[in-house]
Amino acid sequence: MSNSLRDKVVVVTGASSGIGRSIALESASRGATIILMARHQDKLEEIANEARQLSGNEVFVFPTDISKADQIDRAFNEIISHVNHIDYLVNAAGFGVFKEFLETSPQVVTEMFQTNVLGLMYFTRLVARVMIDQKMVKLSTLAQLLELYLLLKLQHIVQLRQLLFNFQMFYV
C-alpha cells in the first residue's frame, strides 16, 4: 500500500460532504483509523460504512456542530477516550453564504466566522496540545520547531489580522 496510513489516526471535521468526505475516504483506503465529525449523524454513518469497507479499521462518528464550544469539548473528550493518539487533523468544516457583502446580514457573517474560524481554531488548539503532549509532532529542523512555536503562540493574532487585511483589500 503506497503512502500507507496504517496505525495512523486521522480526525476529519466537516466529514459529511465535499473535501472532508473525500479526505476521510481516501485516508481510510490507505489504512487509517478515521474519526468523522460533522453536524449530520445520518450522513456520517453512511460515510463511516463506506470507510469501514475500504479499510476494515475502526471508524468513529462524532456528530458535532463545530461552532459550539460545548459540542467541541464533548466530542474531543470522547475522541480521546477512544483512541490513544491523533496523527492528523483535517479541518474541512465550514460553510459559506454566497451573497454580496452588502446583502449579507451581520448574523450570517457572525455564524460563518464562528464556524469557519473560531470553532476550528478552538478544536485545533485542543488537538495540538494532545499531539504535542504525546510527542506526535515530529520535527526535523530547528526552523520547523520555531515555526511551530510561533504558529501555536501567535496563530490567533495572525489569523485575525489576515482576515481584516483580506476584508479591507476586497471592500475598501
C-alpha atoms as a PDB file:
ATOM      1  CA  MET A   1       0.000   0.000   0.000  1.00  0.00           C
ATOM      2  CA  SER A   2       1.692   3.211  -1.126  1.00  0.00           C
ATOM      3  CA  ASN A   3       1.506   6.197   1.202  1.00  0.00           C
ATOM      4  CA  SER A   4       0.202   3.920   3.926  1.00  0.00           C
ATOM      5  CA  LEU A   5      -1.608   5.401   6.891  1.00  0.00           C
ATOM      6  CA  ARG A   6      -1.674   2.085   8.740  1.00  0.00           C
ATOM      7  CA  ASP A   7      -1.701   2.644  12.539  1.00  0.00           C
ATOM      8  CA  LYS A   8      -2.433   6.345  11.995  1.00  0.00           C
ATOM      9  CA  VAL A   9      -5.450   8.182  13.395  1.00  0.00           C
ATOM     10  CA  VAL A  10      -6.987  10.835  11.146  1.00  0.00           C
ATOM     11  CA  VAL A  11      -9.591  13.263  12.514  1.00  0.00           C
ATOM     12  CA  VAL A  12     -11.708  14.957   9.839  1.00  0.00           C
ATOM     13  CA  THR A  13     -14.061  17.837  10.620  1.00  0.00           C
ATOM     14  CA  GLY A  14     -16.688  18.576   8.001  1.00  0.00           C
ATOM     15  CA  ALA A  15     -16.572  14.912   7.034  1.00  0.00           C
ATOM     16  CA  SER A  16     -20.177  14.634   5.854  1.00  0.00           C
ATOM     17  CA  SER A  17     -19.599  16.131   2.405  1.00  0.00           C
ATOM     18  CA  GLY A  18     -17.196  17.666  -0.071  1.00  0.00           C
ATOM     19  CA  ILE A  19     -13.479  17.745   0.609  1.00  0.00           C
ATOM     20  CA  GLY A  20     -13.876  16.412   4.148  1.00  0.00           C
ATOM     21  CA  ARG A  21     -15.726  13.332   2.907  1.00  0.00           C
ATOM     22  CA  SER A  22     -13.180  12.729   0.153  1.00  0.00           C
ATOM     23  CA  ILE A  23     -10.212  13.034   2.512  1.00  0.00           C
ATOM     24  CA  ALA A  24     -11.855  10.723   5.056  1.00  0.00           C
ATOM     25  CA  LEU A  25     -12.494   8.022   2.451  1.00  0.00           C
ATOM     26  CA  GLU A  26      -9.027   8.375   0.907  1.00  0.00           C
ATOM     27  CA  SER A  27      -7.431   8.117   4.360  1.00  0.00           C
ATOM     28  CA  ALA A  28      -9.499   5.009   5.077  1.00  0.00           C
ATOM     29  CA  SER A  29      -8.398   3.444   1.786  1.00  0.00           C
ATOM     30  CA  ARG A  30      -4.799   3.955   2.924  1.00  0.00           C
ATOM     31  CA  GLY A  31      -5.413   2.083   6.180  1.00  0.00           C
ATOM     32  CA  ALA A  32      -6.051   4.858   8.708  1.00  0.00           C
ATOM     33  CA  THR A  33      -8.379   4.759  11.664  1.00  0.00           C
ATOM     34  CA  ILE A  34     -10.847   7.534  10.900  1.00  0.00           C
ATOM     35  CA  ILE A  35     -12.678   9.909  13.208  1.00  0.00           C
ATOM     36  CA  LEU A  36     -15.557  11.640  11.439  1.00  0.00           C
ATOM     37  CA  MET A  37     -17.010  14.915  12.688  1.00  0.00           C
ATOM     38  CA  ALA A  38     -19.878  16.939  11.227  1.00  0.00           C
ATOM     39  CA  ARG A  39     -23.363  18.042  12.202  1.00  0.00           C
ATOM     40  CA  HIS A  40     -25.371  15.343  10.421  1.00  0.00           C
ATOM     41  CA  GLN A  41     -25.176  11.921  12.073  1.00  0.00           C
ATOM     42  CA  ASP A  42     -27.044  10.144   9.273  1.00  0.00           C
ATOM     43  CA  LYS A  43     -24.537  11.306   6.658  1.00  0.00           C
ATOM     44  CA  LEU A  44     -21.629  10.470   8.973  1.00  0.00           C
ATOM     45  CA  GLU A  45     -22.957   6.915   9.442  1.00  0.00           C
ATOM     46  CA  GLU A  46     -23.141   6.425   5.654  1.00  0.00           C
ATOM     47  CA  ILE A  47     -19.566   7.620   5.221  1.00  0.00           C
ATOM     48  CA  ALA A  48     -18.427   5.515   8.179  1.00  0.00           C
ATOM     49  CA  ASN A  49     -19.841   2.399   6.487  1.00  0.00           C
ATOM     50  CA  GLU A  50     -18.004   3.265   3.262  1.00  0.00           C
ATOM     51  CA  ALA A  51     -14.771   3.900   5.171  1.00  0.00           C
ATOM     52  CA  ARG A  52     -15.042   0.579   7.048  1.00  0.00           C
ATOM     53  CA  GLN A  53     -15.424  -1.265   3.738  1.00  0.00           C
ATOM     54  CA  LEU A  54     -12.332   0.463   2.377  1.00  0.00           C
ATOM     55  CA  SER A  55     -10.049  -0.179   5.333  1.00  0.00           C
ATOM     56  CA  GLY A  56     -11.569  -2.714   7.694  1.00  0.00           C
ATOM     57  CA  ASN A  57     -10.412  -0.426  10.514  1.00  0.00           C
ATOM     58  CA  GLU A  58     -12.414   1.268  13.192  1.00  0.00           C
ATOM     59  CA  VAL A  59     -14.289   4.389  12.198  1.00  0.00           C
ATOM     60  CA  PHE A  60     -15.689   6.657  14.880  1.00  0.00           C
ATOM     61  CA  VAL A  61     -18.582   9.055  14.354  1.00  0.00           C
ATOM     62  CA  PHE A  62     -18.976  12.208  16.444  1.00  0.00           C
ATOM     63  CA  PRO A  63     -21.888  14.423  15.429  1.00  0.00           C
ATOM     64  CA  THR A  64     -20.618  17.910  16.253  1.00  0.00           C
ATOM     65  CA  ASP A  65     -21.517  21.469  15.412  1.00  0.00           C
ATOM     66  CA  ILE A  66     -18.013  22.950  15.237  1.00  0.00           C
ATOM     67  CA  SER A  67     -19.419  26.401  16.020  1.00  0.00           C
ATOM     68  CA  LYS A  68     -20.417  25.323  19.540  1.00  0.00           C
ATOM     69  CA  ALA A  69     -17.668  25.052  22.163  1.00  0.00           C
ATOM     70  CA  ASP A  70     -19.655  22.656  24.360  1.00  0.00           C
ATOM     71  CA  GLN A  71     -20.078  20.225  21.455  1.00  0.00           C
ATOM     72  CA  ILE A  72     -16.388  20.547  20.566  1.00  0.00           C
ATOM     73  CA  ASP A  73     -15.402  19.778  24.169  1.00  0.00           C
ATOM     74  CA  ARG A  74     -17.730  16.769  24.321  1.00  0.00           C
ATOM     75  CA  ALA A  75     -16.510  15.360  21.011  1.00  0.00           C
ATOM     76  CA  PHE A  76     -12.865  15.942  21.874  1.00  0.00           C
ATOM     77  CA  ASN A  77     -13.202  14.157  25.228  1.00  0.00           C
ATOM     78  CA  GLU A  78     -14.967  11.227  23.571  1.00  0.00           C
ATOM     79  CA  ILE A  79     -12.314  11.032  20.856  1.00  0.00           C
ATOM     80  CA  ILE A  80      -9.520  10.913  23.425  1.00  0.00           C
ATOM     81  CA  SER A  81     -11.360   8.156  25.305  1.00  0.00           C
ATOM     82  CA  HIS A  82     -11.496   6.027  22.113  1.00  0.00           C
ATOM     83  CA  VAL A  83      -8.024   6.498  20.628  1.00  0.00           C
ATOM     84  CA  ASN A  84      -4.631   6.765  22.285  1.00  0.00           C
ATOM     85  CA  HIS A  85      -3.230   9.328  19.861  1.00  0.00           C
ATOM     86  CA  ILE A  86      -4.057  11.618  16.945  1.00  0.00           C
ATOM     87  CA  ASP A  87      -1.727  11.749  13.963  1.00  0.00           C
ATOM     88  CA  TYR A  88      -3.542  14.057  11.567  1.00  0.00           C
ATOM     89  CA  LEU A  89      -6.223  16.705  11.874  1.00  0.00           C
ATOM     90  CA  VAL A  90      -8.058  17.764   8.722  1.00  0.00           C
ATOM     91  CA  ASN A  91     -10.203  20.848   9.298  1.00  0.00           C
ATOM     92  CA  ALA A  92     -12.701  20.756   6.443  1.00  0.00           C
ATOM     93  CA  ALA A  93     -15.729  22.032   8.384  1.00  0.00           C
ATOM     94  CA  GLY A  94     -17.216  25.293   7.253  1.00  0.00           C
ATOM     95  CA  PHE A  95     -19.924  26.924   5.228  1.00  0.00           C
ATOM     96  CA  GLY A  96     -20.488  29.963   3.101  1.00  0.00           C
ATOM     97  CA  VAL A  97     -23.417  32.122   2.111  1.00  0.00           C
ATOM     98  CA  PHE A  98     -22.666  33.282  -1.375  1.00  0.00           C
ATOM     99  CA  LYS A  99     -24.295  36.694  -1.495  1.00  0.00           C
ATOM    100  CA  GLU A 100     -22.732  40.070  -1.984  1.00  0.00           C
ATOM    101  CA  PHE A 101     -21.300  41.510   1.209  1.00  0.00           C
ATOM    102  CA  LEU A 102     -23.845  44.338   1.456  1.00  0.00           C
ATOM    103  CA  GLU A 103     -26.687  41.814   1.151  1.00  0.00           C
ATOM    104  CA  THR A 104     -25.379  39.513   3.893  1.00  0.00           C
ATOM    105  CA  SER A 105     -26.734  40.077   7.382  1.00  0.00           C
ATOM    106  CA  PRO A 106     -24.382  40.585  10.332  1.00  0.00           C
ATOM    107  CA  GLN A 107     -25.905  37.456  11.911  1.00  0.00           C
ATOM    108  CA  VAL A 108     -24.873  35.305   8.945  1.00  0.00           C
ATOM    109  CA  VAL A 109     -21.359  36.784   8.940  1.00  0.00           C
ATOM    110  CA  THR A 110     -21.106  36.062  12.678  1.00  0.00           C
ATOM    111  CA  GLU A 111     -22.263  32.455  12.166  1.00  0.00           C
ATOM    112  CA  MET A 112     -19.731  31.916   9.367  1.00  0.00           C
ATOM    113  CA  PHE A 113     -16.926  33.406  11.462  1.00  0.00           C
ATOM    114  CA  GLN A 114     -17.898  31.299  14.481  1.00  0.00           C
ATOM    115  CA  THR A 115     -17.842  28.108  12.408  1.00  0.00           C
ATOM    116  CA  ASN A 116     -15.128  28.730   9.828  1.00  0.00           C
ATOM    117  CA  VAL A 117     -12.629  30.446  12.125  1.00  0.00           C
ATOM    118  CA  LEU A 118     -13.305  30.384  15.858  1.00  0.00           C
ATOM    119  CA  GLY A 119     -14.684  26.843  16.123  1.00  0.00           C
ATOM    120  CA  LEU A 120     -11.885  25.366  14.035  1.00  0.00           C
ATOM    121  CA  MET A 121      -9.254  27.326  15.938  1.00  0.00           C
ATOM    122  CA  TYR A 122     -10.668  26.088  19.260  1.00  0.00           C
ATOM    123  CA  PHE A 123     -10.733  22.443  18.151  1.00  0.00           C
ATOM    124  CA  THR A 124      -7.250  22.715  16.632  1.00  0.00           C
ATOM    125  CA  ARG A 125      -5.952  24.105  19.923  1.00  0.00           C
ATOM    126  CA  LEU A 126      -7.291  21.069  21.821  1.00  0.00           C
ATOM    127  CA  VAL A 127      -5.867  18.597  19.315  1.00  0.00           C
ATOM    128  CA  ALA A 128      -2.491  20.362  19.051  1.00  0.00           C
ATOM    129  CA  ARG A 129      -1.992  20.103  22.804  1.00  0.00           C
ATOM    130  CA  VAL A 130      -2.573  16.351  22.693  1.00  0.00           C
ATOM    131  CA  MET A 131      -0.296  15.879  19.698  1.00  0.00           C
ATOM    132  CA  ILE A 132       2.490  17.826  21.380  1.00  0.00           C
ATOM    133  CA  ASP A 133       1.988  16.116  24.762  1.00  0.00           C
ATOM    134  CA  GLN A 134       2.080  12.718  23.078  1.00  0.00           C
ATOM    135  CA  LYS A 135       5.109  13.746  21.018  1.00  0.00           C
ATOM    136  CA  MET A 136       3.150  13.048  17.844  1.00  0.00           C
ATOM    137  CA  VAL A 137       4.543  16.202  16.271  1.00  0.00           C
ATOM    138  CA  LYS A 138       7.788  15.152  14.633  1.00  0.00           C
ATOM    139  CA  LEU A 139      10.176  17.942  13.776  1.00  0.00           C
ATOM    140  CA  SER A 140      13.328  17.566  11.749  1.00  0.00           C
ATOM    141  CA  THR A 141      14.840  21.054  11.891  1.00  0.00           C
ATOM    142  CA  LEU A 142      15.151  23.957  14.279  1.00  0.00           C
ATOM    143  CA  ALA A 143      13.364  26.141  11.738  1.00  0.00           C
ATOM    144  CA  GLN A 144      10.323  23.859  11.892  1.00  0.00           C
ATOM    145  CA  LEU A 145      10.382  23.990  15.683  1.00  0.00           C
ATOM    146  CA  LEU A 146      10.462  27.773  15.604  1.00  0.00           C
ATOM    147  CA  GLU A 147       7.698  27.860  13.012  1.00  0.00           C
ATOM    148  CA  LEU A 148       5.525  25.540  15.130  1.00  0.00           C
ATOM    149  CA  TYR A 149       6.218  27.603  18.244  1.00  0.00           C
ATOM    150  CA  LEU A 150       5.253  30.836  16.502  1.00  0.00           C
ATOM    151  CA  LEU A 151       2.195  29.229  14.954  1.00  0.00           C
ATOM    152  CA  LEU A 152       0.948  27.979  18.310  1.00  0.00           C
ATOM    153  CA  LYS A 153       1.776  31.205  20.149  1.00  0.00           C
ATOM    154  CA  LEU A 154       0.639  33.752  17.585  1.00  0.00           C
ATOM    155  CA  GLN A 155      -1.802  31.999  15.270  1.00  0.00           C
ATOM    156  CA  HIS A 156      -4.855  33.770  16.631  1.00  0.00           C
ATOM    157  CA  ILE A 157      -3.299  37.186  16.043  1.00  0.00           C
ATOM    158  CA  VAL A 158      -2.070  36.316  12.548  1.00  0.00           C
ATOM    159  CA  GLN A 159      -5.444  34.825  11.551  1.00  0.00           C
ATOM    160  CA  LEU A 160      -7.423  37.828  12.739  1.00  0.00           C
ATOM    161  CA  ARG A 161      -5.049  40.303  11.070  1.00  0.00           C
ATOM    162  CA  GLN A 162      -5.173  38.337   7.821  1.00  0.00           C
ATOM    163  CA  LEU A 163      -8.963  38.364   7.887  1.00  0.00           C
ATOM    164  CA  LEU A 164      -9.001  42.122   8.392  1.00  0.00           C
ATOM    165  CA  PHE A 165      -6.415  42.609   5.639  1.00  0.00           C
ATOM    166  CA  ASN A 166      -8.406  40.479   3.184  1.00  0.00           C
ATOM    167  CA  PHE A 167     -11.608  42.294   4.085  1.00  0.00           C
ATOM    168  CA  GLN A 168     -10.039  45.692   3.527  1.00  0.00           C
ATOM    169  CA  MET A 169      -8.386  44.700   0.258  1.00  0.00           C
ATOM    170  CA  PHE A 170     -11.659  43.413  -1.148  1.00  0.00           C
ATOM    171  CA  TYR A 171     -14.118  46.018   0.083  1.00  0.00           C
ATOM    172  CA  VAL A 172     -12.156  49.221   0.643  1.00  0.00           C
END
